[in-house]
Amino acid sequence: MEESNGKSRRITPEEKLEIFLEVQRGNVTKAEVIRRHGIHSAELARIERRATEALIEGFKKDKRKKDPEKETLTREIDRLKEALTEQSVEVTLLRKKVNGV
């Protein structure tokens, strides 16, 4: 991706992604990708390294984000289950007491 005056132009993130994907598909050699895009092999290596690092980071952050409302509701459900269990025990004890058991 060089201009005719010899200065290299900036490669957009979208172009870097396309370059990375071309190499990963394996349909063409790295040399062909380098030639087609007018980049240096060091630039291709940098693109591959950064893309790989970004993917790894993305997978690390892929853990489901916790929904605060869901967490609050889950805690409330647990609290209500515990209260229901306690009341059930109390009812059972009162029944035994009333029935003389």
Protein backbone atom coordinates (compact mmCIF):
# COMPACT_ATOMS: atom_id res chain seq x y z
CA MET A 1 0.00 0.00 0.00
CA GLU A 2 2.63 2.41 -1.04
CA GLU A 3 2.07 5.61 -2.89
CA SER A 4 4.09 6.38 -5.99
CA ASN A 5 6.22 9.00 -4.18
CA GLY A 6 7.77 6.28 -2.04
CA LYS A 7 6.00 7.22 1.19
CA SER A 8 3.89 4.49 2.68
CA ARG A 9 0.35 5.37 3.59
CA ARG A 10 -1.35 4.35 6.77
CA ILE A 11 -3.21 1.08 6.63
CA THR A 12 -6.68 1.29 8.13
CA PRO A 13 -7.77 -1.19 10.79
CA GLU A 14 -10.23 -2.64 8.29
CA GLU A 15 -7.42 -3.20 5.77
CA LYS A 16 -5.27 -4.80 8.47
CA LEU A 17 -8.11 -7.15 9.30
CA GLU A 18 -8.52 -8.08 5.64
CA ILE A 19 -4.76 -8.69 5.33
CA PHE A 20 -4.80 -10.85 8.47
CA LEU A 21 -7.80 -12.84 7.22
CA GLU A 22 -6.22 -13.39 3.80
CA VAL A 23 -3.18 -14.95 5.44
CA GLN A 24 -5.31 -17.04 7.82
CA ARG A 25 -7.48 -18.42 5.02
CA GLY A 26 -4.34 -19.89 3.49
CA ASN A 27 -5.53 -19.50 -0.10
CA VAL A 28 -2.50 -17.39 -0.95
CA THR A 29 1.06 -17.24 0.33
CA LYS A 30 2.26 -14.55 2.68
CA ALA A 31 4.51 -13.31 -0.11
CA GLU A 32 1.47 -12.81 -2.33
CA VAL A 33 -0.37 -10.91 0.39
CA ILE A 34 2.69 -8.73 1.01
CA ARG A 35 3.05 -7.99 -2.70
CA ARG A 36 -0.65 -7.37 -3.29
CA HIS A 37 -0.92 -4.90 -0.43
CA GLY A 38 2.50 -3.33 -0.94
CA ILE A 39 3.63 -3.90 2.62
CA HIS A 40 6.88 -5.11 4.14
CA SER A 41 7.12 -8.55 5.72
CA ALA A 42 7.76 -6.88 9.09
CA GLU A 43 4.43 -5.05 8.75
CA LEU A 44 2.67 -8.33 8.06
CA ALA A 45 4.32 -9.90 11.10
CA ARG A 46 3.18 -6.92 13.20
CA ILE A 47 -0.39 -7.24 11.88
CA GLU A 48 -0.46 -10.96 12.68
CA ARG A 49 0.98 -10.45 16.17
CA ARG A 50 -1.40 -7.62 17.06
CA ALA A 51 -4.43 -9.48 15.69
CA THR A 52 -3.53 -12.58 17.67
CA GLU A 53 -3.03 -10.56 20.85
CA ALA A 54 -6.35 -8.77 20.31
CA LEU A 55 -8.15 -12.08 19.83
CA ILE A 56 -6.64 -13.50 23.00
CA GLU A 57 -7.70 -10.40 24.95
CA GLY A 58 -11.14 -10.65 23.43
CA PHE A 59 -11.47 -14.25 24.58
CA LYS A 60 -10.36 -13.29 28.09
CA LYS A 61 -13.03 -10.59 28.25
CA ASP A 62 -15.61 -12.94 26.74
CA LYS A 63 -16.81 -13.95 30.17
CA ARG A 64 -20.42 -13.03 30.47
CA LYS A 65 -20.86 -9.62 31.99
CA LYS A 66 -22.81 -9.80 35.17
CA ASP A 67 -26.16 -8.09 35.07
CA PRO A 68 -26.60 -6.21 38.37
CA GLU A 69 -30.38 -6.54 38.23
CA LYS A 70 -30.10 -10.29 37.66
CA GLU A 71 -27.70 -10.61 40.60
CA THR A 72 -30.10 -8.65 42.84
CA LEU A 73 -33.02 -10.85 41.80
CA THR A 74 -30.98 -14.01 42.34
CA ARG A 75 -30.08 -12.90 45.87
CA GLU A 76 -33.75 -12.07 46.53
CA ILE A 77 -34.82 -15.52 45.30
CA ASP A 78 -32.26 -17.16 47.60
CA ARG A 79 -33.47 -15.05 50.55
CA LEU A 80 -37.11 -15.94 49.84
CA LYS A 81 -36.29 -19.65 49.53
CA GLU A 82 -34.59 -19.54 52.92
CA ALA A 83 -37.56 -17.68 54.47
CA LEU A 84 -39.98 -20.20 52.95
CA THR A 85 -37.96 -23.10 54.35
CA GLU A 86 -37.99 -21.52 57.83
CA GLN A 87 -41.76 -20.94 57.68
CA SER A 88 -42.31 -24.49 56.48
CA VAL A 89 -40.40 -25.80 59.48
CA GLU A 90 -42.42 -23.52 61.81
CA VAL A 91 -45.73 -24.72 60.32
CA THR A 92 -44.65 -28.34 60.70
CA LEU A 93 -43.72 -27.76 64.37
CA LEU A 94 -47.00 -25.93 65.09
CA ARG A 95 -49.01 -28.74 63.49
CA LYS A 96 -47.24 -31.30 65.64
CA LYS A 97 -47.89 -29.16 68.73
CA VAL A 98 -51.59 -28.71 67.90
CA ASN A 99 -52.09 -32.37 67.08
CA GLY A 100 -50.31 -33.41 70.25
CA VAL A 101 -47.58 -35.35 68.58
